[in-house]
Amino acid sequence: MFDRFFGDDDSSEDTDPDVEVRTNADAWGTNVNIGTGDPSGVLDDDSWFTTHTFDVDFEERSAESKPRTDPEPDVSPRSPPVGTTNPRGTFAFPASKPFMQALETRGKNGAHERVETVYVLTGQSETTPTELFGLDEPEFYQSATRSSVTTLEGKVARRVAASYPEGRTPNVVARFHTHPGGTTTPSDVDVKSAENVKECYEKAFGTDDFEFFHGIHAYVEQSGVPSVNERHDPSAVSGGVSWRGEQYRHELALFGPRFRDRRDVVIADES
């Protein structure tokens, strides 16, 4: 089972190069998440927000592909809850408790071992995410520790793209990786791999006609217990957003395609 996580010679035809992302945090060994699903149970009841989690069957799989059980992304031209009046290149962060709880679950590696992981947000507005793809399953990784993650990014991007109806694409893609207990400062490897990561999504969708964000999701233990009113109350910071959850303080930083320029982030209520 661990061979699948660390990428032994299986039948995969994925030939895209691995994309390795490291932080300056102390190494945390090779504890990895081998669970699947969403233990938090936060699978949105919001009409505008959808969470997708991709289960992996570790038993011997037949040659026939199994039917997909996750819902297709909403590609209708509906008005998202926020962000439609913001200029392209701005990331509109929905002030929604279910949205933030879903991000917290993904940031904590599906509530399993705290290691770096990856998730992707998409949406039909150039600024506003409405779909979250939880990608903490071993199938998409070669290794994961608290200080680094090595992904098969081409496989990740193709899995997200395969969830869309044929010929349909999102107008925004935000690819996040996490820094457990770290900072939102990108490492040198983050910057060097940025263009390759973006190209994986362009190849998967067959177009570059979408707004692309790189993101870092950092979280640290917080002192004290915030009140109910203090939790999930997002605040804009320079090039990002911060909020307090039940146990951790979370901060997201948004960058452009080359992982160098910080992007403007706005907080807006649901409509």
Protein backbone atom coordinates (compact mmCIF):
# COMPACT_ATOMS: atom_id res chain seq x y z
CA MET A 1 0.00 0.00 0.00
CA PHE A 2 2.83 2.45 0.84
CA ASP A 3 4.50 1.57 -2.46
CA ARG A 4 1.58 3.24 -4.21
CA PHE A 5 2.16 6.41 -2.18
CA PHE A 6 5.89 6.61 -2.78
CA GLY A 7 5.55 5.87 -6.48
CA ASP A 8 6.88 2.41 -7.27
CA ASP A 9 6.76 1.09 -10.84
CA ASP A 10 3.06 0.58 -11.28
CA SER A 11 0.96 0.59 -14.41
CA SER A 12 0.56 4.36 -14.46
CA GLU A 13 1.32 6.00 -17.77
CA ASP A 14 1.82 9.40 -16.16
CA THR A 15 5.04 10.80 -17.60
CA ASP A 16 4.77 14.38 -16.38
CA PRO A 17 7.68 15.41 -14.17
CA ASP A 18 7.11 15.53 -10.45
CA VAL A 19 6.78 18.96 -8.91
CA GLU A 20 8.44 19.23 -5.53
CA VAL A 21 7.55 21.99 -3.11
CA ARG A 22 9.50 22.56 0.10
CA THR A 23 9.28 24.91 3.02
CA ASN A 24 11.85 25.90 5.62
CA ALA A 25 10.03 24.08 8.39
CA ASP A 26 11.79 21.27 10.25
CA ALA A 27 11.33 17.88 8.60
CA TRP A 28 8.60 15.82 10.20
CA GLY A 29 9.60 12.40 8.96
CA THR A 30 7.51 10.55 6.41
CA ASN A 31 4.19 10.26 8.19
CA VAL A 32 1.58 10.31 5.48
CA ASN A 33 -2.16 10.27 5.13
CA ILE A 34 -3.39 6.92 3.86
CA GLY A 35 -7.03 7.65 4.52
CA THR A 36 -9.63 8.92 2.11
CA GLY A 37 -12.82 10.88 2.13
CA ASP A 38 -13.75 13.88 4.27
CA PRO A 39 -13.80 12.97 7.99
CA SER A 40 -14.99 16.44 8.89
CA GLY A 41 -18.38 15.91 7.32
CA VAL A 42 -18.20 19.48 6.00
CA LEU A 43 -19.60 18.71 2.56
CA ASP A 44 -21.35 22.04 2.05
CA ASP A 45 -25.05 22.60 2.01
CA ASP A 46 -24.48 26.00 0.38
CA SER A 47 -26.16 26.40 -2.97
CA TRP A 48 -23.06 28.04 -4.50
CA PHE A 49 -20.21 25.98 -3.07
CA THR A 50 -19.34 22.35 -3.83
CA THR A 51 -16.65 20.14 -2.29
CA HIS A 52 -15.20 17.25 -4.30
CA THR A 53 -13.21 14.49 -2.61
CA PHE A 54 -11.62 11.74 -4.64
CA ASP A 55 -11.54 8.32 -2.98
CA VAL A 56 -8.82 5.81 -3.78
CA ASP A 57 -9.46 2.06 -3.66
CA PHE A 58 -6.33 0.34 -2.37
CA GLU A 59 -7.63 -3.13 -3.23
CA GLU A 60 -6.67 -4.68 -6.55
CA ARG A 61 -8.48 -2.63 -9.16
CA SER A 62 -9.98 -4.13 -12.28
CA ALA A 63 -9.03 -2.95 -15.77
CA GLU A 64 -12.44 -1.33 -16.09
CA SER A 65 -12.59 2.18 -14.76
CA LYS A 66 -15.01 2.67 -11.90
CA PRO A 67 -17.84 5.16 -12.31
CA ARG A 68 -17.13 8.57 -10.85
CA THR A 69 -19.22 9.38 -7.82
CA ASP A 70 -18.22 12.98 -7.28
CA PRO A 71 -20.60 15.61 -8.70
CA GLU A 72 -19.66 17.50 -11.83
CA PRO A 73 -18.67 21.12 -11.25
CA ASP A 74 -21.34 23.70 -11.86
CA VAL A 75 -20.52 25.34 -15.20
CA SER A 76 -23.66 27.43 -15.48
CA PRO A 77 -23.23 31.19 -15.88
CA ARG A 78 -24.88 31.83 -12.53
CA SER A 79 -23.74 34.78 -10.47
CA PRO A 80 -21.41 33.58 -7.71
CA PRO A 81 -21.98 34.93 -4.21
CA VAL A 82 -19.18 37.47 -4.37
CA GLY A 83 -16.51 38.94 -6.54
CA THR A 84 -18.23 39.58 -9.85
CA THR A 85 -17.41 43.31 -9.81
CA ASN A 86 -13.74 42.90 -8.92
CA PRO A 87 -11.08 43.27 -11.64
CA ARG A 88 -9.47 40.18 -13.11
CA GLY A 89 -6.39 39.22 -11.11
CA THR A 90 -8.17 39.85 -7.80
CA PHE A 91 -9.03 36.87 -5.60
CA ALA A 92 -12.46 37.26 -3.98
CA PHE A 93 -12.57 35.28 -0.74
CA PRO A 94 -16.12 34.31 0.31
CA ALA A 95 -16.86 35.12 3.95
CA SER A 96 -18.61 31.78 4.41
CA LYS A 97 -18.16 29.49 7.42
CA PRO A 98 -18.76 26.27 5.41
CA PHE A 99 -16.20 27.43 2.84
CA MET A 100 -13.57 28.15 5.49
CA GLN A 101 -14.27 24.89 7.33
CA ALA A 102 -13.78 22.99 4.08
CA LEU A 103 -10.46 24.78 3.50
CA GLU A 104 -9.40 23.95 7.06
CA THR A 105 -10.11 20.26 6.51
CA ARG A 106 -8.09 20.20 3.31
CA GLY A 107 -5.29 22.22 4.89
CA LYS A 108 -5.06 19.66 7.69
CA ASN A 109 -4.70 16.86 5.14
CA GLY A 110 -8.25 15.63 5.55
CA ALA A 111 -7.86 15.70 9.35
CA HIS A 112 -5.20 12.96 9.23
CA GLU A 113 -1.43 13.38 9.63
CA ARG A 114 -0.34 16.99 9.42
CA VAL A 115 1.78 16.96 6.30
CA GLU A 116 1.94 19.23 3.29
CA THR A 117 -0.85 18.57 0.84
CA VAL A 118 -2.45 20.14 -2.23
CA TYR A 119 -5.96 21.28 -3.07
CA VAL A 120 -7.45 23.19 -5.99
CA LEU A 121 -10.20 25.80 -6.15
CA THR A 122 -12.06 26.58 -9.38
CA GLY A 123 -14.99 28.74 -10.41
CA GLN A 124 -16.87 30.24 -13.32
CA SER A 125 -15.94 33.79 -12.36
CA GLU A 126 -12.35 34.96 -12.97
CA THR A 127 -12.15 36.00 -9.32
CA THR A 128 -14.38 33.76 -7.21
CA PRO A 129 -14.01 30.05 -6.33
CA THR A 130 -17.11 27.88 -6.09
CA GLU A 131 -15.56 24.38 -6.32
CA LEU A 132 -13.00 22.79 -4.01
CA PHE A 133 -11.10 19.67 -5.07
CA GLY A 134 -9.63 17.77 -2.12
CA LEU A 135 -6.51 16.02 -3.40
CA ASP A 136 -4.89 14.50 -0.32
CA GLU A 137 -5.05 10.91 -1.59
CA PRO A 138 -1.80 8.94 -2.03
CA GLU A 139 -2.46 8.39 -5.73
CA PHE A 140 -1.39 11.95 -6.48
CA TYR A 141 1.81 12.03 -4.40
CA GLN A 142 5.24 10.47 -4.21
CA SER A 143 6.03 11.76 -0.75
CA ALA A 144 4.63 14.09 1.88
CA THR A 145 6.18 15.37 5.09
CA ARG A 146 5.59 18.42 7.21
CA SER A 147 8.25 20.30 5.26
CA SER A 148 7.80 19.12 1.66
CA VAL A 149 5.45 17.51 -0.80
CA THR A 150 6.21 15.84 -4.12
CA THR A 151 3.23 15.58 -6.44
CA LEU A 152 2.47 14.06 -9.79
CA GLU A 153 1.08 17.43 -10.83
CA GLY A 154 0.05 16.32 -14.31
CA LYS A 155 -2.11 13.60 -12.78
CA VAL A 156 -3.58 16.08 -10.29
CA ALA A 157 -4.44 18.56 -13.04
CA ARG A 158 -5.96 15.89 -15.28
CA ARG A 159 -8.11 14.62 -12.41
CA VAL A 160 -9.53 18.08 -11.83
CA ALA A 161 -10.10 18.62 -15.56
CA ALA A 162 -11.77 15.21 -15.93
CA SER A 163 -14.46 16.30 -13.48
CA TYR A 164 -15.68 18.95 -15.91
CA PRO A 165 -18.09 18.10 -18.72
CA GLU A 166 -16.35 17.66 -22.06
CA GLY A 167 -15.47 20.99 -23.62
CA ARG A 168 -16.15 23.01 -20.45
CA THR A 169 -13.49 24.71 -18.36
CA PRO A 170 -13.39 26.99 -15.32
CA ASN A 171 -12.51 30.66 -15.54
CA VAL A 172 -10.34 30.60 -12.42
CA VAL A 173 -7.96 27.94 -11.09
CA ALA A 174 -6.23 28.42 -7.73
CA ARG A 175 -3.73 25.70 -6.83
CA PHE A 176 -2.81 25.67 -3.14
CA HIS A 177 -0.21 23.76 -1.19
CA THR A 178 0.00 23.86 2.57
CA HIS A 179 2.67 24.87 5.07
CA PRO A 180 1.69 23.23 8.37
CA GLY A 181 3.10 25.37 11.14
CA GLY A 182 4.98 27.40 8.54
CA THR A 183 4.72 30.75 6.82
CA THR A 184 3.13 31.97 3.61
CA THR A 185 6.52 32.81 2.10
CA PRO A 186 7.20 30.71 -1.01
CA SER A 187 10.43 28.74 -1.09
CA ASP A 188 12.96 28.88 -3.93
CA VAL A 189 11.59 25.55 -5.18
CA ASP A 190 8.06 26.99 -5.16
CA VAL A 191 9.19 29.79 -7.45
CA LYS A 192 11.24 27.55 -9.75
CA SER A 193 8.38 25.06 -10.21
CA ALA A 194 5.65 27.68 -10.67
CA GLU A 195 5.56 27.78 -14.46
CA ASN A 196 5.63 23.96 -14.73
CA VAL A 197 2.68 23.69 -12.35
CA LYS A 198 0.63 26.21 -14.34
CA GLU A 199 1.46 24.44 -17.60
CA CYS A 200 0.11 21.18 -16.19
CA TYR A 201 -3.33 22.79 -15.83
CA GLU A 202 -3.15 24.40 -19.27
CA LYS A 203 -2.40 21.00 -20.81
CA ALA A 204 -5.11 19.28 -18.77
CA PHE A 205 -7.81 21.78 -19.78
CA GLY A 206 -6.47 22.30 -23.29
CA THR A 207 -6.46 26.08 -22.91
CA ASP A 208 -4.72 28.90 -21.06
CA ASP A 209 -7.83 31.07 -21.08
CA PHE A 210 -8.38 31.15 -17.34
CA GLU A 211 -7.08 33.15 -14.41
CA PHE A 212 -4.45 31.16 -12.50
CA PHE A 213 -3.40 31.69 -8.90
CA HIS A 214 -0.69 29.99 -6.87
CA GLY A 215 -1.59 29.82 -3.20
CA ILE A 216 0.02 28.88 0.10
CA HIS A 217 -2.15 27.83 3.03
CA ALA A 218 -0.30 28.12 6.34
CA TYR A 219 -1.75 27.32 9.74
CA VAL A 220 -0.34 27.40 13.28
CA GLU A 221 -1.59 26.54 16.74
CA GLN A 222 -3.26 29.56 18.29
CA SER A 223 -3.19 30.66 21.90
CA GLY A 224 -6.50 30.68 23.68
CA VAL A 225 -9.87 29.55 22.43
CA PRO A 226 -11.65 32.04 20.20
CA SER A 227 -15.30 32.70 20.88
CA VAL A 228 -17.93 31.57 18.41
CA ASN A 229 -18.17 35.10 17.03
CA GLU A 230 -14.39 35.32 16.59
CA ARG A 231 -14.12 32.09 14.62
CA HIS A 232 -14.27 32.08 10.83
CA ASP A 233 -14.20 35.87 10.59
CA PRO A 234 -11.79 36.49 7.70
CA SER A 235 -9.59 39.57 7.48
CA ALA A 236 -7.67 40.74 4.43
CA VAL A 237 -3.92 40.93 4.91
CA SER A 238 -1.25 41.94 2.39
CA GLY A 239 -1.84 39.65 -0.57
CA GLY A 240 -3.93 37.21 1.40
CA VAL A 241 -6.52 36.46 4.05
CA SER A 242 -6.38 35.31 7.67
CA TRP A 243 -8.90 33.83 10.10
CA ARG A 244 -9.12 31.88 13.34
CA GLY A 245 -10.61 28.40 13.43
CA GLU A 246 -11.38 26.18 16.40
CA GLN A 247 -7.72 25.21 16.97
CA TYR A 248 -5.54 26.93 14.37
CA ARG A 249 -4.97 30.35 12.90
CA HIS A 250 -5.11 30.05 9.12
CA GLU A 251 -3.56 32.34 6.55
CA LEU A 252 -3.79 32.08 2.76
CA ALA A 253 -1.42 33.93 0.45
CA LEU A 254 -2.28 34.39 -3.24
CA PHE A 255 0.33 34.79 -5.97
CA GLY A 256 0.39 35.10 -9.72
CA PRO A 257 1.42 32.37 -12.19
CA ARG A 258 5.15 32.80 -11.50
CA PHE A 259 4.75 32.72 -7.71
CA ARG A 260 6.40 36.14 -7.39
CA ASP A 261 3.77 38.86 -7.37
CA ARG A 262 1.23 38.95 -4.54
CA ARG A 263 -2.34 39.28 -5.76
CA ASP A 264 -5.02 41.55 -4.35
CA VAL A 265 -7.50 39.75 -2.09
CA VAL A 266 -10.90 41.08 -1.11
CA ILE A 267 -13.34 39.76 1.48
CA ALA A 268 -16.99 39.82 0.53
CA ASP A 269 -20.15 38.44 2.08
CA GLU A 270 -22.35 35.90 0.38
CA SER A 271 -25.14 37.44 -1.65
